[in-house]
């Protein structure tokens, strides 16, 4: 790389590092303009102004709000449906839902809804009216300083990108162009990573999360939920299962006894034959003795 271009490139990198350190120091100061953030809106037209800390109220902070609500109600399904409708009404949505029950009888529903942060308390108040409140937990995570720090780092990387583009225009050799473009790839990758983190933080702050658990007063057992037809069908299935189980037991018994029978059977047959032969011989001897006794008489 040519010496002038190399010097300019190094100078740009050093300037960017110094500017980033300065931005981070300013972002860490509680009274710095960079610590001002807006949690209510993050439209694309205002986004750069937020990152630079311009035109933002001093008392506005970026807070990620979450709530957990545990209710008892006669119809958990109806409460979950009302929660989904309420979330859609204020511009939110259902993030997840899990239903537990037997047949048509639902005894517990776990659902999670996302609602705009400025409607967070309103939605909570509406949900409390749908059942008996068992437990409620509300948390808030203040990410104002983290957001300001990411914004400072993002501005620093964008400034470095502009300086590298200016150097690229003065590059004369292929080697110089490849060197600068390689650094541009790294800088733009870091810009995309930081930008994604900033956007994710803003979106989490703009949409609060409410986890709702609704339980019925008493859990309906599976037996109570079944009708006559389903009970008969289940009895037939049980009988078939018992029959199959009995056949399997017989087959297993035969399989277990067969090797023993193969080993014992030949000896048993030979022993039985020898016993029958000896018995026959004793009977012949006894008969012969009886005949001799009669002749002598």
Protein backbone atom coordinates (compact mmCIF):
# COMPACT_ATOMS: atom_id res chain seq x y z
CA UNK A 1 0.00 0.00 0.00
CA UNK A 2 1.25 3.50 -0.82
CA UNK A 3 2.60 5.41 2.17
CA UNK A 4 0.18 8.39 1.95
CA UNK A 5 -2.84 6.12 1.69
CA UNK A 6 -1.60 3.93 4.52
CA UNK A 7 -1.04 6.96 6.74
CA UNK A 8 -4.54 8.25 5.95
CA UNK A 9 -6.07 4.87 6.71
CA UNK A 10 -4.28 4.57 10.06
CA UNK A 11 -5.22 8.12 10.96
CA UNK A 12 -8.89 7.39 10.21
CA UNK A 13 -8.83 4.29 12.38
CA UNK A 14 -7.16 6.15 15.26
CA UNK A 15 -9.64 9.02 14.94
CA UNK A 16 -12.54 6.57 14.95
CA UNK A 17 -11.21 4.81 18.06
CA UNK A 18 -10.75 8.14 19.84
CA UNK A 19 -14.20 9.30 18.85
CA UNK A 20 -15.73 6.02 20.03
CA UNK A 21 -13.98 6.29 23.42
CA UNK A 22 -15.18 9.88 23.72
CA UNK A 23 -18.76 8.91 22.83
CA UNK A 24 -18.72 6.07 25.35
CA UNK A 25 -17.44 8.40 28.08
CA UNK A 26 -20.16 10.90 27.29
CA UNK A 27 -22.77 8.13 27.19
CA UNK A 28 -21.70 6.98 30.67
CA UNK A 29 -22.29 10.46 32.14
CA UNK A 30 -25.76 10.65 33.72
CA UNK A 31 -26.30 14.24 32.52
CA UNK A 32 -25.06 13.63 28.96
CA UNK A 33 -27.38 14.28 26.08
CA UNK A 34 -26.74 10.76 24.80
CA UNK A 35 -28.60 9.25 27.77
CA UNK A 36 -31.93 10.64 26.60
CA UNK A 37 -34.16 8.02 24.92
CA UNK A 38 -37.75 7.66 23.80
CA UNK A 39 -39.71 4.52 24.72
CA UNK A 40 -43.03 5.57 23.20
CA UNK A 41 -42.09 5.69 19.53
CA UNK A 42 -39.24 4.72 17.23
CA UNK A 43 -40.37 5.82 13.76
CA UNK A 44 -37.65 5.84 11.11
CA UNK A 45 -37.80 9.64 10.68
CA UNK A 46 -36.99 10.25 14.37
CA UNK A 47 -34.60 7.37 14.93
CA UNK A 48 -31.34 9.16 14.14
CA UNK A 49 -32.35 12.09 16.35
CA UNK A 50 -32.93 9.66 19.23
CA UNK A 51 -29.52 8.07 18.76
CA UNK A 52 -27.90 11.50 18.84
CA UNK A 53 -29.96 12.60 21.85
CA UNK A 54 -31.70 15.49 20.09
CA UNK A 55 -35.20 16.86 20.69
CA UNK A 56 -35.99 14.41 23.51
CA UNK A 57 -37.48 15.16 26.96
CA UNK A 58 -35.07 14.95 29.89
CA UNK A 59 -37.49 12.85 31.96
CA UNK A 60 -38.10 10.23 29.24
CA UNK A 61 -36.33 6.91 29.78
CA UNK A 62 -36.26 3.66 27.85
CA UNK A 63 -37.85 0.96 30.02
CA UNK A 64 -38.72 -2.64 29.11
CA UNK A 65 -41.93 -3.49 30.99
CA UNK A 66 -43.18 -7.00 31.84
CA UNK A 67 -46.08 -8.28 33.92
CA UNK A 68 -47.32 -11.63 35.18
CA UNK A 69 -51.01 -11.99 36.04
CA UNK A 70 -52.57 -15.05 37.70
CA UNK A 71 -56.39 -15.22 37.75
CA UNK A 72 -59.09 -17.71 38.75
CA UNK A 73 -62.20 -17.74 36.56
CA UNK A 74 -65.09 -20.06 35.76
CA UNK A 75 -64.20 -20.12 32.06
CA UNK A 76 -60.46 -19.80 31.38
CA UNK A 77 -61.11 -20.08 27.65
CA UNK A 78 -63.42 -17.06 27.65
CA UNK A 79 -60.86 -14.99 29.59
CA UNK A 80 -58.09 -15.93 27.16
CA UNK A 81 -60.30 -14.98 24.22
CA UNK A 82 -61.07 -11.63 25.83
CA UNK A 83 -57.35 -11.02 26.46
CA UNK A 84 -56.54 -11.70 22.82
CA UNK A 85 -59.30 -9.35 21.64
CA UNK A 86 -58.14 -6.63 24.05
CA UNK A 87 -54.54 -6.93 22.83
CA UNK A 88 -55.61 -6.60 19.21
CA UNK A 89 -57.82 -3.65 20.08
CA UNK A 90 -54.89 -1.61 21.43
CA UNK A 91 -52.53 -2.64 18.62
CA UNK A 92 -50.91 -5.70 20.23
CA UNK A 93 -50.96 -9.42 19.56
CA UNK A 94 -50.86 -12.86 21.21
CA UNK A 95 -47.28 -14.10 21.47
CA UNK A 96 -48.00 -17.61 22.81
CA UNK A 97 -50.79 -19.73 24.30
CA UNK A 98 -50.95 -23.10 26.08
CA UNK A 99 -54.22 -24.84 27.01
CA UNK A 100 -54.68 -27.67 29.52
CA UNK A 101 -57.91 -29.62 29.95
CA UNK A 102 -59.92 -32.77 29.36
CA UNK A 103 -62.09 -32.80 26.25
CA UNK A 104 -64.07 -29.59 26.07
CA UNK A 105 -63.39 -28.80 29.73
CA UNK A 106 -60.45 -26.38 30.04
CA UNK A 107 -59.03 -25.95 33.52
CA UNK A 108 -55.90 -23.84 32.78
CA UNK A 109 -54.66 -21.50 30.04
CA UNK A 110 -51.22 -19.89 29.90
CA UNK A 111 -51.04 -17.06 27.36
CA UNK A 112 -48.65 -14.21 26.63
CA UNK A 113 -49.68 -10.95 24.94
CA UNK A 114 -47.62 -8.02 23.66
CA UNK A 115 -49.17 -4.57 23.93
CA UNK A 116 -47.91 -1.01 23.33
CA UNK A 117 -46.05 0.33 26.35
CA UNK A 118 -48.36 3.33 26.67
CA UNK A 119 -51.36 0.97 26.95
CA UNK A 120 -49.68 -1.38 29.43
CA UNK A 121 -51.48 -0.26 32.60
CA UNK A 122 -54.82 0.03 30.79
CA UNK A 123 -54.65 -3.57 29.56
CA UNK A 124 -53.65 -4.82 33.01
CA UNK A 125 -56.61 -3.06 34.61
CA UNK A 126 -58.99 -4.57 32.06
CA UNK A 127 -57.61 -8.09 32.55
CA UNK A 128 -57.97 -7.92 36.36
CA UNK A 129 -61.75 -7.53 35.93
CA UNK A 130 -62.08 -10.95 34.23
CA UNK A 131 -61.48 -13.07 37.32
CA UNK A 132 -60.26 -13.38 40.89
CA UNK A 133 -56.72 -12.03 41.22
CA UNK A 134 -54.37 -14.61 42.76
CA UNK A 135 -50.98 -13.04 41.99
CA UNK A 136 -49.58 -10.10 40.06
CA UNK A 137 -45.95 -9.22 39.33
CA UNK A 138 -44.75 -6.15 37.42
CA UNK A 139 -41.12 -5.53 36.48
CA UNK A 140 -39.32 -2.80 34.56
CA UNK A 141 -35.80 -2.86 33.14
CA UNK A 142 -34.26 0.56 32.50
CA UNK A 143 -32.05 0.26 29.40
CA UNK A 144 -31.56 3.99 28.77
CA UNK A 145 -27.80 3.96 29.32
CA UNK A 146 -27.33 0.76 27.32
CA UNK A 147 -29.30 2.28 24.46
CA UNK A 148 -27.22 5.48 24.58
CA UNK A 149 -23.98 3.48 24.65
CA UNK A 150 -25.02 1.45 21.61
CA UNK A 151 -26.04 4.65 19.83
CA UNK A 152 -22.62 6.21 20.49
CA UNK A 153 -20.80 3.13 19.20
CA UNK A 154 -23.06 3.03 16.17
CA UNK A 155 -22.36 6.68 15.30
CA UNK A 156 -18.63 6.07 15.69
CA UNK A 157 -18.71 3.12 13.30
CA UNK A 158 -20.72 5.10 10.75
CA UNK A 159 -18.18 7.91 10.93
CA UNK A 160 -15.41 5.40 10.30
CA UNK A 161 -17.35 4.04 7.34
CA UNK A 162 -17.55 7.53 5.80
CA UNK A 163 -13.81 8.10 6.23
CA UNK A 164 -12.99 4.73 4.67
CA UNK A 165 -15.23 5.55 1.71
CA UNK A 166 -13.36 8.84 1.28
CA UNK A 167 -10.02 7.00 1.35
CA UNK A 168 -11.34 4.45 -1.15
CA UNK A 169 -11.95 7.24 -3.67
CA UNK A 170 -8.27 8.24 -3.56
CA UNK A 171 -6.92 4.67 -3.79
CA UNK A 172 -4.89 4.09 -6.96
CA UNK A 173 -3.69 0.48 -6.86
CA UNK A 174 -5.69 -2.74 -6.65
CA UNK A 175 -3.90 -3.61 -3.41
CA UNK A 176 -5.02 -0.37 -1.81
CA UNK A 177 -8.62 -0.86 -2.96
CA UNK A 178 -8.75 -4.42 -1.57
CA UNK A 179 -7.26 -3.31 1.75
CA UNK A 180 -9.78 -0.53 2.24
CA UNK A 181 -12.72 -2.67 1.09
CA UNK A 182 -11.71 -5.40 3.53
CA UNK A 183 -11.86 -2.90 6.39
CA UNK A 184 -15.17 -1.59 5.09
CA UNK A 185 -16.66 -5.10 5.29
CA UNK A 186 -15.66 -5.37 8.97
CA UNK A 187 -17.00 -1.92 9.80
CA UNK A 188 -20.32 -2.50 8.02
CA UNK A 189 -20.72 -5.88 9.76
CA UNK A 190 -20.29 -4.14 13.12
CA UNK A 191 -22.76 -1.43 12.07
CA UNK A 192 -25.38 -4.05 11.23
CA UNK A 193 -24.82 -5.85 14.54
CA UNK A 194 -25.11 -2.67 16.60
CA UNK A 195 -28.10 -1.47 14.61
CA UNK A 196 -29.90 -4.80 15.21
CA UNK A 197 -29.26 -4.53 18.96
CA UNK A 198 -30.57 -0.95 19.05
CA UNK A 199 -33.70 -1.84 17.09
CA UNK A 200 -34.36 -4.90 19.26
CA UNK A 201 -34.01 -2.87 22.44
CA UNK A 202 -36.36 -0.18 21.13
CA UNK A 203 -38.96 -2.72 20.05
CA UNK A 204 -38.87 -4.51 23.42
CA UNK A 205 -39.38 -1.19 25.17
CA UNK A 206 -42.16 -0.12 22.82
CA UNK A 207 -44.14 -3.37 23.26
CA UNK A 208 -44.67 -4.55 26.85
CA UNK A 209 -45.20 -8.24 27.64
CA UNK A 210 -48.04 -9.56 29.83
CA UNK A 211 -48.04 -13.21 30.86
CA UNK A 212 -51.56 -14.33 31.80
CA UNK A 213 -52.43 -17.55 33.68
CA UNK A 214 -56.13 -18.37 34.11
CA UNK A 215 -57.28 -21.36 36.19
CA UNK A 216 -60.74 -22.81 36.76
CA UNK A 217 -61.99 -23.05 40.37
CA UNK A 218 -61.74 -26.87 40.29
CA UNK A 219 -59.96 -29.18 37.88
CA UNK A 220 -62.31 -31.48 35.92
CA UNK A 221 -61.10 -35.07 35.91
CA UNK A 222 -60.92 -37.10 32.74
CA UNK A 223 -63.62 -39.53 33.99
CA UNK A 224 -66.10 -36.72 34.65
CA UNK A 225 -65.47 -35.20 31.25
CA UNK A 226 -66.20 -38.46 29.40
CA UNK A 227 -69.63 -39.40 28.08
CA UNK A 228 -71.28 -42.85 28.03
CA UNK A 229 -70.10 -43.60 24.50
CA UNK A 230 -66.51 -42.75 25.26
CA UNK A 231 -66.61 -44.86 28.46
CA UNK A 232 -67.89 -47.92 26.55
CA UNK A 233 -65.24 -47.41 23.90
CA UNK A 234 -62.55 -47.14 26.53
CA UNK A 235 -63.86 -50.33 28.26
CA UNK A 236 -63.65 -52.23 24.95
CA UNK A 237 -60.13 -50.95 24.46
CA UNK A 238 -59.21 -52.07 28.00
CA UNK A 239 -60.67 -55.56 27.40
CA UNK A 240 -58.75 -55.86 24.16
CA UNK A 241 -55.63 -54.76 25.95
CA UNK A 242 -56.10 -57.40 28.64
CA UNK A 243 -56.65 -60.14 26.01
CA UNK A 244 -53.55 -59.13 24.12
CA UNK A 245 -51.63 -58.97 27.38
CA UNK A 246 -52.71 -62.53 28.29
CA UNK A 247 -51.65 -63.90 24.91
CA UNK A 248 -48.33 -62.13 25.19
CA UNK A 249 -47.84 -63.67 28.65
CA UNK A 250 -48.54 -67.19 27.34
CA UNK A 251 -46.15 -66.71 24.44
CA UNK A 252 -43.46 -65.45 26.77
CA UNK A 253 -43.99 -68.43 29.13
CA UNK A 254 -43.72 -70.93 26.27
CA UNK A 255 -40.63 -69.16 24.99
CA UNK A 256 -39.02 -69.29 28.43
CA UNK A 257 -39.90 -72.97 29.09
CA UNK A 258 -39.01 -74.35 25.64
CA UNK A 259 -35.18 -74.36 26.10
CA UNK A 260 -35.56 -76.20 29.43
CA UNK A 261 -37.99 -78.71 27.92
CA UNK A 262 -35.59 -79.47 25.06
CA UNK A 263 -32.84 -80.32 27.57
CA UNK A 264 -34.99 -82.31 30.04
CA UNK A 265 -37.32 -84.12 27.64
CA UNK A 266 -34.84 -86.79 26.33
CA UNK A 267 -33.83 -87.82 29.86
CA UNK A 268 -37.45 -87.92 30.95
CA UNK A 269 -38.43 -90.16 27.99
CA UNK A 270 -35.55 -92.60 28.63
CA UNK A 271 -36.35 -92.73 32.35
CA UNK A 272 -40.03 -93.40 31.64
CA UNK A 273 -39.17 -96.25 29.25
CA UNK A 274 -36.77 -97.85 31.78
CA UNK A 275 -39.39 -97.57 34.53
CA UNK A 276 -42.07 -99.21 32.34
CA UNK A 277 -39.65 -102.05 31.38
CA UNK A 278 -38.75 -102.78 34.98
CA UNK A 279 -42.39 -102.71 35.95
CA UNK A 280 -43.26 -105.18 33.18
CA UNK A 281 -40.44 -107.50 34.28
CA UNK A 282 -41.64 -107.42 37.89
CA UNK A 283 -45.16 -108.27 36.75
CA UNK A 284 -43.88 -111.23 34.70
CA UNK A 285 -41.84 -112.53 37.63
CA UNK A 286 -44.79 -112.19 39.96
CA UNK A 287 -47.04 -113.96 37.47
CA UNK A 288 -44.51 -116.79 37.07
CA UNK A 289 -44.25 -117.26 40.83
CA UNK A 290 -48.00 -117.35 41.17
CA UNK A 291 -48.31 -120.06 38.51
CA UNK A 292 -45.66 -122.25 40.18
CA UNK A 293 -47.44 -122.01 43.51
CA UNK A 294 -50.72 -123.28 42.04
CA UNK A 295 -48.99 -126.27 40.39
CA UNK A 296 -47.43 -127.35 43.68
CA UNK A 297 -50.81 -127.24 45.36
